[in-house]
Amino acid sequence: MIETLLDGATLTLRLNRPDKANALTADMLEALCVAVEAFDGKVLVLTGTGHVFSAGADLDAAKAGLATSDLWERLSGAIASFQGFSIAALNGTCAGGACGMVLACDIRLAVPHANLFYPVMKLGFLPQPSDPGRLAALVGPARAKLVLMGGAKVSAEEALDWGLFDRLVDTADLMAEVDVIAQDCCTADLTHLRGIKAMFDG
């Protein structure tokens, strides 16, 4: 359910459960964690199969305790700690717990029909511990509260305007755009890439 493609210095992790809107199970989260933690290359790409990036936690798994699992924070922490360039390539809507991995990436590309929502207030769960801070750093505290407390569903155009998404890309061109943006990092010396990345941690 997680497709792993290593192409040179780029690792692409693709959520591949389109019949369930790429809803995440514990096994999928564990596989993502292990893959990210083990990867020591230059570019990390997260994307999905079908028309939805991820609906968040699988409903049955969430009821069984996945909604409050430490795996979510482990995954977003691993992505945030990755020393290379991380790209979320949103092939569609991102919802719930899946937002954490997207917020932890360096940039977010999205197709025009993508939107983002994180209904923790409605569902009675707390967001992942690092998510409010990462969201507020991108869009400001008030808009972060609008998403997390007001249950706002943010359209692709609005997310681009807020700085939550960095670029909108036609669906057919999404992965080609990823390749273009990743090219300089892929051809750069690894030490140079990591040096620039470290400057943002200042």
C-alpha atoms as a PDB file:
ATOM      1  CA  MET A   1       0.000   0.000   0.000  1.00  0.00           C
ATOM      2  CA  ILE A   2       3.111   2.179   0.036  1.00  0.00           C
ATOM      3  CA  GLU A   3       4.987   2.162  -3.259  1.00  0.00           C
ATOM      4  CA  THR A   4       8.670   2.945  -2.918  1.00  0.00           C
ATOM      5  CA  LEU A   5      10.663   4.162  -5.894  1.00  0.00           C
ATOM      6  CA  LEU A   6      14.344   4.992  -5.556  1.00  0.00           C
ATOM      7  CA  ASP A   7      15.648   6.784  -8.642  1.00  0.00           C
ATOM      8  CA  GLY A   8      19.225   7.874  -8.139  1.00  0.00           C
ATOM      9  CA  ALA A   9      19.225  10.301  -5.207  1.00  0.00           C
ATOM     10  CA  THR A  10      15.417  10.684  -5.161  1.00  0.00           C
ATOM     11  CA  LEU A  11      13.072   8.562  -3.092  1.00  0.00           C
ATOM     12  CA  THR A  12       9.378   8.715  -4.004  1.00  0.00           C
ATOM     13  CA  LEU A  13       6.875   7.303  -1.540  1.00  0.00           C
ATOM     14  CA  ARG A  14       3.436   6.856  -3.061  1.00  0.00           C
ATOM     15  CA  LEU A  15       0.295   6.121  -1.064  1.00  0.00           C
ATOM     16  CA  ASN A  16      -1.415   3.405  -3.083  1.00  0.00           C
ATOM     17  CA  ARG A  17      -4.812   2.607  -1.643  1.00  0.00           C
ATOM     18  CA  PRO A  18      -7.038   4.566  -4.023  1.00  0.00           C
ATOM     19  CA  ASP A  19     -10.121   2.464  -3.341  1.00  0.00           C
ATOM     20  CA  LYS A  20     -10.016   3.807   0.242  1.00  0.00           C
ATOM     21  CA  ALA A  21      -8.955   7.361  -0.687  1.00  0.00           C
ATOM     22  CA  ASN A  22      -5.435   6.433   0.447  1.00  0.00           C
ATOM     23  CA  ALA A  23      -6.614   6.280   4.064  1.00  0.00           C
ATOM     24  CA  LEU A  24      -3.687   5.354   6.271  1.00  0.00           C
ATOM     25  CA  THR A  25      -3.365   2.245   8.401  1.00  0.00           C
ATOM     26  CA  ALA A  26      -0.799   1.597  11.117  1.00  0.00           C
ATOM     27  CA  ASP A  27       1.157  -0.645   8.757  1.00  0.00           C
ATOM     28  CA  MET A  28       1.259   2.114   6.133  1.00  0.00           C
ATOM     29  CA  LEU A  29       2.445   4.683   8.674  1.00  0.00           C
ATOM     30  CA  GLU A  30       5.109   2.308   9.956  1.00  0.00           C
ATOM     31  CA  ALA A  31       6.318   1.663   6.402  1.00  0.00           C
ATOM     32  CA  LEU A  32       6.517   5.402   5.716  1.00  0.00           C
ATOM     33  CA  CYS A  33       8.442   6.000   8.951  1.00  0.00           C
ATOM     34  CA  VAL A  34      10.953   3.262   8.220  1.00  0.00           C
ATOM     35  CA  ALA A  35      11.496   4.438   4.639  1.00  0.00           C
ATOM     36  CA  VAL A  36      12.036   8.094   5.578  1.00  0.00           C
ATOM     37  CA  GLU A  37      14.262   7.303   8.553  1.00  0.00           C
ATOM     38  CA  ALA A  38      16.481   5.039   6.436  1.00  0.00           C
ATOM     39  CA  PHE A  39      16.806   7.375   3.455  1.00  0.00           C
ATOM     40  CA  ASP A  40      20.062   9.312   3.271  1.00  0.00           C
ATOM     41  CA  GLY A  41      19.723  10.778  -0.211  1.00  0.00           C
ATOM     42  CA  LYS A  42      18.966  14.167  -1.672  1.00  0.00           C
ATOM     43  CA  VAL A  43      15.249  14.440  -2.517  1.00  0.00           C
ATOM     44  CA  LEU A  44      12.219  12.934  -0.794  1.00  0.00           C
ATOM     45  CA  VAL A  45       8.850  13.025  -2.572  1.00  0.00           C
ATOM     46  CA  LEU A  46       5.474  12.132  -1.061  1.00  0.00           C
ATOM     47  CA  THR A  47       2.498  11.628  -3.359  1.00  0.00           C
ATOM     48  CA  GLY A  48      -0.567   9.437  -3.836  1.00  0.00           C
ATOM     49  CA  THR A  49      -2.448   7.357  -6.382  1.00  0.00           C
ATOM     50  CA  GLY A  50      -5.830   8.454  -7.723  1.00  0.00           C
ATOM     51  CA  HIS A  51      -7.772  11.644  -7.095  1.00  0.00           C
ATOM     52  CA  VAL A  52      -7.082  11.974  -3.351  1.00  0.00           C
ATOM     53  CA  PHE A  53      -3.723  12.345  -1.646  1.00  0.00           C
ATOM     54  CA  SER A  54      -5.060  10.905   1.609  1.00  0.00           C
ATOM     55  CA  ALA A  55      -8.256  10.975   3.620  1.00  0.00           C
ATOM     56  CA  GLY A  56      -6.195  10.652   6.809  1.00  0.00           C
ATOM     57  CA  ALA A  57      -6.577   7.714   9.176  1.00  0.00           C
ATOM     58  CA  ASP A  58      -8.493   4.646   8.080  1.00  0.00           C
ATOM     59  CA  LEU A  59     -11.792   4.907   9.962  1.00  0.00           C
ATOM     60  CA  ASP A  60     -11.718   1.414  11.436  1.00  0.00           C
ATOM     61  CA  ALA A  61      -8.093   1.818  12.456  1.00  0.00           C
ATOM     62  CA  ALA A  62      -8.825   5.242  13.945  1.00  0.00           C
ATOM     63  CA  LYS A  63     -11.568   3.785  16.126  1.00  0.00           C
ATOM     64  CA  ALA A  64      -9.116   1.117  17.254  1.00  0.00           C
ATOM     65  CA  GLY A  65      -6.640   3.749  18.453  1.00  0.00           C
ATOM     66  CA  LEU A  66      -4.691   4.856  15.384  1.00  0.00           C
ATOM     67  CA  ALA A  67      -6.013   8.418  15.646  1.00  0.00           C
ATOM     68  CA  THR A  68      -3.886   8.975  18.751  1.00  0.00           C
ATOM     69  CA  SER A  69      -0.905   6.838  17.750  1.00  0.00           C
ATOM     70  CA  ASP A  70       2.641   8.166  18.121  1.00  0.00           C
ATOM     71  CA  LEU A  71       3.294   7.001  14.543  1.00  0.00           C
ATOM     72  CA  TRP A  72       1.888  10.258  13.125  1.00  0.00           C
ATOM     73  CA  GLU A  73       4.346  12.427  15.037  1.00  0.00           C
ATOM     74  CA  ARG A  74       7.174   9.998  14.362  1.00  0.00           C
ATOM     75  CA  LEU A  75       6.536  10.316  10.625  1.00  0.00           C
ATOM     76  CA  SER A  76       6.258  14.097  10.520  1.00  0.00           C
ATOM     77  CA  GLY A  77       9.347  14.363  12.725  1.00  0.00           C
ATOM     78  CA  ALA A  78      11.335  12.116  10.409  1.00  0.00           C
ATOM     79  CA  ILE A  79      10.325  14.201   7.394  1.00  0.00           C
ATOM     80  CA  ALA A  80      11.147  17.468   9.161  1.00  0.00           C
ATOM     81  CA  SER A  81      14.557  16.070  10.176  1.00  0.00           C
ATOM     82  CA  PHE A  82      15.417  14.891   6.659  1.00  0.00           C
ATOM     83  CA  GLN A  83      18.559  16.768   5.610  1.00  0.00           C
ATOM     84  CA  GLY A  84      17.704  16.895   1.923  1.00  0.00           C
ATOM     85  CA  PHE A  85      14.843  18.531   0.000  1.00  0.00           C
ATOM     86  CA  SER A  86      11.350  17.203   0.753  1.00  0.00           C
ATOM     87  CA  ILE A  87       8.413  17.739  -1.609  1.00  0.00           C
ATOM     88  CA  ALA A  88       4.741  16.961  -1.039  1.00  0.00           C
ATOM     89  CA  ALA A  89       3.162  16.384  -4.457  1.00  0.00           C
ATOM     90  CA  LEU A  90      -0.535  16.502  -3.679  1.00  0.00           C
ATOM     91  CA  ASN A  91      -2.464  14.639  -6.359  1.00  0.00           C
ATOM     92  CA  GLY A  92      -5.682  15.589  -4.572  1.00  0.00           C
ATOM     93  CA  THR A  93      -7.244  16.393  -1.224  1.00  0.00           C
ATOM     94  CA  CYS A  94      -5.279  16.010   1.996  1.00  0.00           C
ATOM     95  CA  ALA A  95      -7.301  15.495   5.175  1.00  0.00           C
ATOM     96  CA  GLY A  96      -6.891  14.804   8.867  1.00  0.00           C
ATOM     97  CA  GLY A  97      -3.744  13.157  10.109  1.00  0.00           C
ATOM     98  CA  ALA A  98      -2.225  13.087   6.624  1.00  0.00           C
ATOM     99  CA  CYS A  99      -1.749  16.847   6.946  1.00  0.00           C
ATOM    100  CA  GLY A 100       1.143  16.267   9.329  1.00  0.00           C
ATOM    101  CA  MET A 101       3.454  14.715   6.756  1.00  0.00           C
ATOM    102  CA  VAL A 102       2.539  17.425   4.246  1.00  0.00           C
ATOM    103  CA  LEU A 103       3.195  20.275   6.680  1.00  0.00           C
ATOM    104  CA  ALA A 104       6.586  18.750   7.526  1.00  0.00           C
ATOM    105  CA  CYS A 105       7.792  18.905   3.905  1.00  0.00           C
ATOM    106  CA  ASP A 106       9.910  21.764   2.581  1.00  0.00           C
ATOM    107  CA  ILE A 107       7.406  22.602  -0.176  1.00  0.00           C
ATOM    108  CA  ARG A 108       3.923  21.604  -1.253  1.00  0.00           C
ATOM    109  CA  LEU A 109       2.808  21.289  -4.878  1.00  0.00           C
ATOM    110  CA  ALA A 110      -0.853  20.576  -5.543  1.00  0.00           C
ATOM    111  CA  VAL A 111      -3.261  19.910  -8.372  1.00  0.00           C
ATOM    112  CA  PRO A 112      -6.089  22.455  -8.835  1.00  0.00           C
ATOM    113  CA  HIS A 113      -8.800  20.202  -7.358  1.00  0.00           C
ATOM    114  CA  ALA A 114      -6.852  19.581  -4.141  1.00  0.00           C
ATOM    115  CA  ASN A 115      -8.008  21.001  -0.859  1.00  0.00           C
ATOM    116  CA  LEU A 116      -6.922  20.563   2.727  1.00  0.00           C
ATOM    117  CA  PHE A 117      -8.854  20.154   5.944  1.00  0.00           C
ATOM    118  CA  TYR A 118      -8.017  18.897   9.417  1.00  0.00           C
ATOM    119  CA  PRO A 119     -11.272  18.250  11.352  1.00  0.00           C
ATOM    120  CA  VAL A 120      -9.809  17.535  14.789  1.00  0.00           C
ATOM    121  CA  MET A 121     -12.262  19.801  16.583  1.00  0.00           C
ATOM    122  CA  LYS A 122     -15.233  18.014  15.039  1.00  0.00           C
ATOM    123  CA  LEU A 123     -13.815  14.547  15.669  1.00  0.00           C
ATOM    124  CA  GLY A 124     -12.710  15.216  19.240  1.00  0.00           C
ATOM    125  CA  PHE A 125      -9.001  14.530  18.760  1.00  0.00           C
ATOM    126  CA  LEU A 126      -5.985  16.746  19.346  1.00  0.00           C
ATOM    127  CA  PRO A 127      -3.827  17.474  16.299  1.00  0.00           C
ATOM    128  CA  GLN A 128      -0.355  16.013  16.171  1.00  0.00           C
ATOM    129  CA  PRO A 129       1.808  18.038  18.603  1.00  0.00           C
ATOM    130  CA  SER A 130       4.008  19.695  15.975  1.00  0.00           C
ATOM    131  CA  ASP A 131       1.245  20.446  13.463  1.00  0.00           C
ATOM    132  CA  PRO A 132      -0.218  23.674  14.920  1.00  0.00           C
ATOM    133  CA  GLY A 133       3.219  25.280  15.009  1.00  0.00           C
ATOM    134  CA  ARG A 134       4.114  24.200  11.482  1.00  0.00           C
ATOM    135  CA  LEU A 135       0.731  25.314  10.170  1.00  0.00           C
ATOM    136  CA  ALA A 136       0.963  28.680  11.926  1.00  0.00           C
ATOM    137  CA  ALA A 137       4.484  29.207  10.544  1.00  0.00           C
ATOM    138  CA  LEU A 138       3.076  28.878   7.028  1.00  0.00           C
ATOM    139  CA  VAL A 139      -0.243  30.702   7.248  1.00  0.00           C
ATOM    140  CA  GLY A 140      -0.197  32.650  10.535  1.00  0.00           C
ATOM    141  CA  PRO A 141      -1.866  31.858  13.871  1.00  0.00           C
ATOM    142  CA  ALA A 142      -5.357  33.084  12.968  1.00  0.00           C
ATOM    143  CA  ARG A 143      -5.606  31.039   9.790  1.00  0.00           C
ATOM    144  CA  ALA A 144      -4.153  28.031  11.579  1.00  0.00           C
ATOM    145  CA  LYS A 145      -6.934  28.357  14.149  1.00  0.00           C
ATOM    146  CA  LEU A 146      -9.454  28.721  11.331  1.00  0.00           C
ATOM    147  CA  VAL A 147      -8.353  25.310  10.044  1.00  0.00           C
ATOM    148  CA  LEU A 148      -7.912  23.494  13.354  1.00  0.00           C
ATOM    149  CA  MET A 149     -10.641  25.127  15.414  1.00  0.00           C
ATOM    150  CA  GLY A 150     -13.048  26.418  12.775  1.00  0.00           C
ATOM    151  CA  GLY A 151     -12.920  23.304  10.622  1.00  0.00           C
ATOM    152  CA  ALA A 152     -12.237  25.311   7.461  1.00  0.00           C
ATOM    153  CA  LYS A 153     -11.791  23.360   4.233  1.00  0.00           C
ATOM    154  CA  VAL A 154      -9.115  25.261   2.318  1.00  0.00           C
ATOM    155  CA  SER A 155      -9.334  25.176  -1.477  1.00  0.00           C
ATOM    156  CA  ALA A 156      -6.208  24.909  -3.610  1.00  0.00           C
ATOM    157  CA  GLU A 157      -6.501  28.542  -4.703  1.00  0.00           C
ATOM    158  CA  GLU A 158      -6.956  29.764  -1.138  1.00  0.00           C
ATOM    159  CA  ALA A 159      -4.088  27.567   0.082  1.00  0.00           C
ATOM    160  CA  LEU A 160      -1.842  29.060  -2.597  1.00  0.00           C
ATOM    161  CA  ASP A 161      -2.850  32.575  -1.554  1.00  0.00           C
ATOM    162  CA  TRP A 162      -2.143  31.783   2.099  1.00  0.00           C
ATOM    163  CA  GLY A 163       1.265  30.207   1.397  1.00  0.00           C
ATOM    164  CA  LEU A 164       0.083  26.776   2.483  1.00  0.00           C
ATOM    165  CA  PHE A 165       0.581  25.443  -1.057  1.00  0.00           C
ATOM    166  CA  ASP A 166       3.571  26.742  -3.003  1.00  0.00           C
ATOM    167  CA  ARG A 167       2.470  26.048  -6.567  1.00  0.00           C
ATOM    168  CA  LEU A 168      -0.563  24.665  -8.383  1.00  0.00           C
ATOM    169  CA  VAL A 169       0.193  22.245 -11.210  1.00  0.00           C
ATOM    170  CA  ASP A 170      -2.063  20.574 -13.765  1.00  0.00           C
ATOM    171  CA  THR A 171      -2.764  17.007 -12.743  1.00  0.00           C
ATOM    172  CA  ALA A 172      -1.024  15.453 -15.733  1.00  0.00           C
ATOM    173  CA  ASP A 173       2.102  17.541 -15.132  1.00  0.00           C
ATOM    174  CA  LEU A 174       2.484  17.082 -11.368  1.00  0.00           C
ATOM    175  CA  MET A 175       5.368  14.612 -11.269  1.00  0.00           C
ATOM    176  CA  ALA A 176       7.095  16.291 -14.203  1.00  0.00           C
ATOM    177  CA  GLU A 177       7.054  19.518 -12.199  1.00  0.00           C
ATOM    178  CA  VAL A 178       8.509  17.651  -9.233  1.00  0.00           C
ATOM    179  CA  ASP A 179      11.363  16.482 -11.455  1.00  0.00           C
ATOM    180  CA  VAL A 180      12.065  20.030 -12.639  1.00  0.00           C
ATOM    181  CA  ILE A 181      12.093  21.460  -9.114  1.00  0.00           C
ATOM    182  CA  ALA A 182      14.238  18.617  -7.781  1.00  0.00           C
ATOM    183  CA  GLN A 183      16.797  18.767 -10.588  1.00  0.00           C
ATOM    184  CA  ASP A 184      19.248  21.221  -9.005  1.00  0.00           C
ATOM    185  CA  CYS A 185      19.285  19.270  -5.750  1.00  0.00           C
ATOM    186  CA  CYS A 186      19.741  15.965  -7.551  1.00  0.00           C
ATOM    187  CA  THR A 187      22.806  17.230  -9.413  1.00  0.00           C
ATOM    188  CA  ALA A 188      24.312  19.132  -6.479  1.00  0.00           C
ATOM    189  CA  ASP A 189      26.962  17.875  -4.121  1.00  0.00           C
ATOM    190  CA  LEU A 190      25.260  16.359  -1.070  1.00  0.00           C
ATOM    191  CA  THR A 191      27.316  18.475   1.342  1.00  0.00           C
ATOM    192  CA  HIS A 192      26.303  21.649  -0.488  1.00  0.00           C
ATOM    193  CA  LEU A 193      22.624  20.663  -0.442  1.00  0.00           C
ATOM    194  CA  ARG A 194      22.722  19.921   3.262  1.00  0.00           C
ATOM    195  CA  GLY A 195      24.601  23.142   3.946  1.00  0.00           C
ATOM    196  CA  ILE A 196      21.856  25.234   2.361  1.00  0.00           C
ATOM    197  CA  LYS A 197      19.128  23.239   4.110  1.00  0.00           C
ATOM    198  CA  ALA A 198      20.856  23.761   7.462  1.00  0.00           C
ATOM    199  CA  MET A 199      20.822  27.537   6.984  1.00  0.00           C
ATOM    200  CA  PHE A 200      17.026  27.495   7.302  1.00  0.00           C
ATOM    201  CA  ASP A 201      17.341  25.912  10.736  1.00  0.00           C
ATOM    202  CA  GLY A 202      19.441  28.891  11.758  1.00  0.00           C
END
